Protein backbone atom coordinates (compact mmCIF):
# COMPACT_ATOMS: atom_id res chain seq x y z
CA MET A 1 -50.85 81.05 11.11
CA VAL A 2 -51.29 82.31 14.67
CA PRO A 3 -47.98 83.77 15.95
CA ILE A 4 -46.26 82.06 18.89
CA GLU A 5 -45.92 84.21 22.01
CA ILE A 6 -43.57 83.48 24.92
CA LYS A 7 -45.00 84.54 28.27
CA GLY A 8 -43.76 84.47 31.84
CA PHE A 9 -45.42 83.19 34.97
CA ASP A 10 -48.68 84.89 35.96
CA PRO A 11 -49.58 84.33 39.63
CA ASN A 12 -53.20 85.23 38.85
CA GLN A 13 -53.40 82.13 36.64
CA LEU A 14 -51.45 79.84 38.95
CA GLU A 15 -53.82 76.88 38.97
CA GLU A 16 -54.52 77.05 35.24
CA LEU A 17 -50.80 77.19 34.48
CA ALA A 18 -50.17 74.22 36.76
CA LYS A 19 -52.90 72.17 35.11
CA GLU A 20 -51.73 72.86 31.55
CA GLN A 21 -48.03 72.48 32.38
CA THR A 22 -48.61 69.13 34.07
CA ALA A 23 -50.71 67.83 31.18
CA ILE A 24 -48.04 68.77 28.62
CA TYR A 25 -45.29 67.15 30.70
CA ASN A 26 -47.15 63.90 31.33
CA ALA A 27 -48.03 63.44 27.67
CA ALA A 28 -44.45 64.18 26.60
CA ILE A 29 -42.73 61.77 29.00
CA ALA A 30 -45.19 58.89 28.63
CA LYS A 31 -42.83 56.85 26.42
CA ILE A 32 -39.56 57.70 28.21
CA PRO A 33 -38.21 54.82 30.35
CA ASP A 34 -38.06 55.24 34.14
CA THR A 35 -40.11 58.42 34.33
CA SER A 36 -43.14 59.08 36.51
CA PRO A 37 -46.13 61.30 35.73
CA ALA A 38 -46.40 64.60 37.59
CA LYS A 39 -49.37 65.59 39.74
CA VAL A 40 -51.20 68.88 39.35
CA GLU A 41 -51.36 69.35 43.11
CA ASP A 42 -47.57 69.07 43.39
CA THR A 43 -47.06 71.67 40.66
CA ILE A 44 -49.48 74.01 42.44
CA ALA A 45 -47.69 73.50 45.77
CA ARG A 46 -44.35 74.28 44.13
CA PHE A 47 -45.73 77.49 42.63
CA LYS A 48 -47.17 78.56 45.99
CA ARG A 49 -43.91 78.20 47.89
CA GLU A 50 -42.77 81.47 49.42
CA THR A 51 -39.33 81.09 47.84
CA PHE A 52 -40.65 80.23 44.34
CA ASP A 53 -38.85 82.30 41.70
CA GLN A 54 -41.60 83.28 39.25
CA SER A 55 -39.10 84.69 36.76
CA ARG A 56 -37.67 81.27 35.95
CA MET A 57 -40.73 79.88 34.13
CA PHE A 58 -41.51 80.35 30.42
CA TYR A 59 -44.63 79.40 28.46
CA ALA A 60 -45.32 79.27 24.72
CA TYR A 61 -48.81 80.18 23.55
CA GLU A 62 -50.52 79.85 20.21
CA GLY A 63 -53.35 82.30 20.66
CA ASP A 64 -54.87 81.48 24.06
CA ARG A 65 -53.61 77.90 24.11
CA MET A 66 -50.46 76.84 25.96
CA ILE A 67 -48.47 74.61 23.63
CA ALA A 68 -45.14 74.27 25.46
CA TYR A 69 -43.22 75.31 28.56
CA ALA A 70 -39.74 75.27 30.09
CA GLY A 71 -38.16 76.34 33.34
CA LEU A 72 -34.83 77.11 34.94
CA THR A 73 -33.89 75.95 38.42
CA GLY A 74 -33.36 78.43 41.21
CA ARG A 75 -30.14 80.42 40.90
CA ASN A 76 -27.15 79.03 42.77
CA GLU A 77 -25.51 82.28 43.85
CA GLU A 78 -22.32 80.61 45.08
CA GLN A 79 -21.59 78.97 41.72
CA ASN A 80 -23.47 81.59 39.65
CA LEU A 81 -25.32 78.69 38.06
CA ARG A 82 -28.79 77.68 36.94
CA GLY A 83 -30.06 74.31 35.78
CA VAL A 84 -31.88 74.41 32.44
CA GLY A 85 -35.05 72.45 31.93
CA TYR A 86 -35.87 70.67 28.69
CA PRO A 87 -38.63 72.52 26.79
CA TRP A 88 -41.66 70.21 26.76
CA LEU A 89 -44.05 70.45 23.79
CA ARG A 90 -47.71 69.61 23.44
CA GLU A 91 -48.30 66.87 20.89
CA ASN A 92 -48.05 68.01 17.25
CA THR A 93 -46.35 71.29 18.21
CA ASP A 94 -43.67 72.46 15.77
CA VAL A 95 -40.23 71.68 17.20
CA SER A 96 -39.09 75.26 16.48
CA VAL A 97 -41.08 76.28 19.58
CA ARG A 98 -38.51 74.42 21.68
CA ASP A 99 -35.84 76.81 20.43
CA LEU A 100 -37.97 79.84 21.30
CA LEU A 101 -38.28 78.66 24.89
CA TYR A 102 -34.61 77.80 25.18
CA GLU A 103 -33.64 81.25 23.87
CA ALA A 104 -35.92 82.87 26.45
CA MET A 105 -34.22 80.96 29.26
CA GLU A 106 -30.72 81.73 28.04
CA ASN A 107 -31.56 85.42 27.53
CA LYS A 108 -32.76 85.67 31.12
CA CYS A 109 -29.51 84.14 32.34
CA HIS A 110 -27.52 86.60 30.23
CA ASP A 111 -29.52 89.55 31.56
CA GLU A 112 -29.11 88.59 35.23
CA GLY A 113 -25.41 87.76 34.87
CA THR A 114 -25.60 83.99 35.36
CA LYS A 115 -22.41 82.49 33.92
CA LEU A 116 -22.94 78.72 34.02
CA LEU A 117 -25.84 76.60 32.73
CA ARG A 118 -26.18 72.91 33.63
CA VAL A 119 -28.28 69.97 32.52
CA TYR A 120 -28.29 66.23 33.24
CA GLY A 121 -29.02 63.62 30.62
CA SER A 122 -29.35 59.88 30.14
CA PRO A 123 -28.93 57.51 27.19
CA ASN A 124 -32.55 56.56 27.91
CA PHE A 125 -33.53 59.93 26.43
CA PRO A 126 -31.07 60.56 23.56
CA GLU A 127 -33.25 63.28 22.03
CA GLN A 128 -32.72 65.46 25.10
CA LEU A 129 -28.97 64.83 25.16
CA GLU A 130 -28.55 65.74 21.50
CA TYR A 131 -30.70 68.83 21.86
CA PHE A 132 -28.56 70.35 24.59
CA LYS A 133 -25.37 69.42 22.77
CA SER A 134 -26.72 71.33 19.77
CA LYS A 135 -27.05 74.37 22.04
CA GLY A 136 -23.40 74.28 23.04
CA PHE A 137 -23.52 72.15 26.19
CA GLU A 138 -20.55 69.86 26.71
CA VAL A 139 -20.29 66.67 28.76
CA ILE A 140 -18.37 67.48 31.94
CA HIS A 141 -18.95 64.31 33.93
CA GLU A 142 -20.10 60.80 33.23
CA PHE A 143 -21.93 59.06 36.05
CA LEU A 144 -22.05 55.32 36.58
CA VAL A 145 -25.45 53.91 37.52
CA HIS A 146 -25.35 50.85 39.76
CA GLU A 147 -28.14 48.59 40.98
CA LYS A 148 -28.71 45.93 43.58
CA VAL A 149 -31.46 43.41 44.20
CA LEU A 150 -32.83 44.34 47.60
CA GLU A 151 -32.42 42.05 50.58
CA LYS A 152 -33.45 42.19 54.21
CA ASN A 153 -30.59 43.27 56.48
CA ASP A 154 -30.31 42.53 60.18
CA TYR A 155 -27.83 44.79 61.92
CA GLU A 156 -26.94 46.49 65.19
CA LEU A 157 -25.74 50.10 65.09
CA PRO A 158 -22.35 50.94 66.61
CA ALA A 159 -22.50 52.45 70.09
CA GLY A 160 -23.76 56.04 70.27
CA TYR A 161 -25.49 56.11 66.89
CA ILE A 162 -29.21 56.36 66.15
CA PHE A 163 -31.26 56.75 62.95
CA ARG A 164 -34.25 59.08 63.10
CA PRO A 165 -36.68 60.85 60.71
CA LEU A 166 -35.88 64.19 59.08
CA LYS A 167 -37.19 67.41 60.64
CA ARG A 168 -37.40 70.68 58.73
CA ASP A 169 -35.04 72.28 61.24
CA ASP A 170 -32.40 69.73 60.23
CA LEU A 171 -32.00 71.10 56.70
CA PRO A 172 -29.35 73.80 57.41
CA ILE A 173 -27.43 71.31 59.57
CA LEU A 174 -27.46 68.69 56.83
CA GLU A 175 -26.22 71.22 54.30
CA GLU A 176 -23.29 72.00 56.60
CA VAL A 177 -22.60 68.29 57.12
CA SER A 178 -22.49 67.75 53.36
CA ARG A 179 -20.01 70.60 52.91
CA ASN A 180 -17.69 68.94 55.41
CA ASP A 181 -17.97 65.42 54.00
CA PRO A 182 -14.59 64.65 52.38
CA LYS A 183 -16.22 62.19 49.96
CA MET A 184 -18.84 64.60 48.59
CA LYS A 185 -18.31 66.57 45.37
CA SER A 186 -21.70 68.33 45.19
CA PRO A 187 -22.95 69.60 48.56
CA PHE A 188 -26.57 69.12 49.54
CA VAL A 189 -28.74 72.25 49.02
CA ALA A 190 -31.27 72.79 51.79
CA SER A 191 -33.78 74.63 49.59
CA ASP A 192 -34.03 71.67 47.20
CA TRP A 193 -35.06 69.35 50.00
CA GLU A 194 -37.43 71.92 51.45
CA GLN A 195 -39.26 71.81 48.13
CA LEU A 196 -39.32 68.02 48.28
CA MET A 197 -40.81 68.07 51.78
CA ASP A 198 -43.64 70.30 50.52
CA SER A 199 -44.52 67.83 47.76
CA ASN A 200 -47.41 65.39 48.02
CA ASN A 201 -44.93 62.75 46.86
CA TYR A 202 -42.72 63.25 49.93
CA ASN A 203 -42.20 60.06 51.87
CA PRO A 204 -40.84 60.60 55.42
CA ASP A 205 -39.19 57.17 55.28
CA SER A 206 -37.01 58.27 52.36
CA ILE A 207 -34.54 60.33 54.43
CA VAL A 208 -32.53 58.89 57.32
CA VAL A 209 -30.83 61.32 59.69
CA VAL A 210 -27.87 59.99 61.70
CA GLU A 211 -27.04 61.19 65.19
CA LYS A 212 -24.09 60.24 67.34
CA ASN A 213 -24.44 61.01 71.01
CA GLY A 214 -27.11 63.60 70.19
CA THR A 215 -25.25 65.40 67.36
CA VAL A 216 -26.28 65.13 63.69
CA VAL A 217 -23.36 63.58 61.79
CA GLY A 218 -24.92 62.49 58.50
CA PHE A 219 -27.92 61.58 56.40
CA TYR A 220 -29.03 59.30 53.61
CA ALA A 221 -31.80 60.17 51.15
CA PHE A 222 -33.44 58.20 48.39
CA PHE A 223 -36.62 58.30 46.31
CA ILE A 224 -39.23 55.58 46.76
CA PRO A 225 -41.83 55.82 43.95
CA SER A 226 -45.36 55.57 45.30
CA ASP A 227 -46.51 53.78 42.16
CA PRO A 228 -46.65 50.06 43.09
CA GLU A 229 -45.83 49.15 39.48
CA ARG A 230 -42.42 50.81 39.78
CA LYS A 231 -40.16 48.33 41.52
CA ARG A 232 -36.99 50.44 41.89
CA ALA A 233 -35.95 52.88 44.60
CA TYR A 234 -33.38 55.56 43.70
CA PHE A 235 -30.45 56.95 45.65
CA ALA A 236 -30.66 60.73 46.08
CA GLY A 237 -27.83 61.79 48.38
CA VAL A 238 -25.57 60.84 51.27
CA ALA A 239 -23.22 62.75 53.55
CA VAL A 240 -21.29 61.66 56.63
CA LEU A 241 -18.83 63.70 58.67
CA GLY A 242 -15.28 62.48 58.21
CA ASP A 243 -14.72 60.70 61.52
CA ASN A 244 -18.03 58.82 61.29
CA GLN A 245 -17.42 56.74 58.17
CA GLU A 246 -18.08 53.54 60.10
CA ILE A 247 -21.81 54.30 59.96
CA GLU A 248 -22.06 54.43 56.17
CA PRO A 249 -22.54 50.67 55.52
CA PHE A 250 -25.44 50.72 57.97
CA LEU A 251 -27.09 53.54 56.02
CA PHE A 252 -27.00 51.38 52.89
CA LYS A 253 -28.55 48.52 54.83
CA GLU A 254 -31.29 50.73 56.25
CA LEU A 255 -32.05 52.06 52.76
CA GLU A 256 -32.59 48.51 51.50
CA ASN A 257 -34.87 47.59 54.38
CA ARG A 258 -37.09 50.63 53.90
CA ALA A 259 -37.41 50.12 50.16
CA LEU A 260 -38.26 46.44 50.65
CA GLU A 261 -40.97 47.34 53.14
CA GLN A 262 -42.63 49.45 50.45
CA GLY A 263 -42.67 46.74 47.82
CA LYS A 264 -39.55 47.62 45.84
CA GLU A 265 -37.24 44.98 44.36
CA LYS A 266 -34.12 46.93 43.37
CA VAL A 267 -32.30 50.12 44.29
CA ASP A 268 -30.25 52.36 41.97
CA ILE A 269 -27.26 54.49 42.97
CA THR A 270 -25.36 56.87 40.70
CA PHE A 271 -21.64 57.61 41.20
CA TYR A 272 -18.84 59.63 39.71
CA PRO A 273 -16.37 57.11 38.20
CA ASP A 274 -13.80 58.12 40.83
CA SER A 275 -16.25 58.36 43.74
CA PRO A 276 -14.66 57.26 47.03
CA ARG A 277 -18.06 55.73 47.89
CA LEU A 278 -18.02 53.37 44.92
CA PRO A 279 -15.77 50.68 46.52
CA LEU A 280 -18.15 50.34 49.47
CA ALA A 281 -21.16 50.06 47.15
CA LYS A 282 -19.44 47.29 45.19
CA GLU A 283 -18.51 45.54 48.42
CA LEU A 284 -22.19 45.63 49.40
CA GLY A 285 -23.29 44.06 46.11
CA PHE A 286 -24.04 46.94 43.73
CA THR A 287 -23.14 46.38 40.06
CA GLN A 288 -23.08 48.85 37.16
CA TYR A 289 -25.77 48.62 34.49
CA SER A 290 -26.04 52.09 32.94
CA HIS A 291 -24.62 55.63 32.93
CA SER A 292 -25.69 59.28 32.68
CA TYR A 293 -24.11 62.68 32.08
CA GLN A 294 -23.68 66.21 33.43
CA LEU A 295 -23.46 68.81 30.68
CA ASP A 296 -22.42 72.46 31.24
CA LYS A 297 -22.39 75.60 29.13
CA THR A 298 -20.52 78.78 30.02
CA LEU A 299 -22.20 82.03 28.98
């Protein structure tokens, strides 16, 4: 039997790694509900970003053949936290390889002094949930997933407000807005959205920036799948400065209009059970149909 070797990211093999990684992922997620295939060009673009952390990727090889991979998210210095990716296996690969990749990720976090690991899971993928629980992750939060059948909204914005497209220079401002939003538990991270903007899947209509009298006071972001067969749009984030809460219902309405224009039929939004934004969503017609989880592990 050929021994399994765990390797790190090699920038000299960037395009080959992207091709193999994407193929493994797409084959593995093909039967998981509500997942979309990745594109090689997006993986390459992510690897080529100036801020890409090469040390966070791990690959399992059997001889010269990549058979599995896994990756951490960028390190959140403020919370001393990294997200942990699920180790994806090529078809017919022994499941023990998943443990080898997980151990490599956890060892890196130990070595660099990261204290908190985090994953998100859904009942739609119970195998992933049970795997991370077996590694010592515990459910910290349950999230309630709500949906609404989209409808066309006619509205007039309150005086002084405008909606406009996102500009790259807005990202630090939006991060600051999110940190000062009294309803927000998890502040927006500018680097995450910078990565999104560099993706071929980025849709400029998916992020609405709100100005009042020339000052940025909020934003709304959601994901609109480009695949015409996928009929749902997905909430991604919202933040509004405290004295501008009157604009929030209009952001919901604008979200619906944009998703409708691109052929979607429903929109999903995920909330903490005690989210102060949940009452407004219910008032606007959102109803719960599923749930998901945040799981943490302290090192």
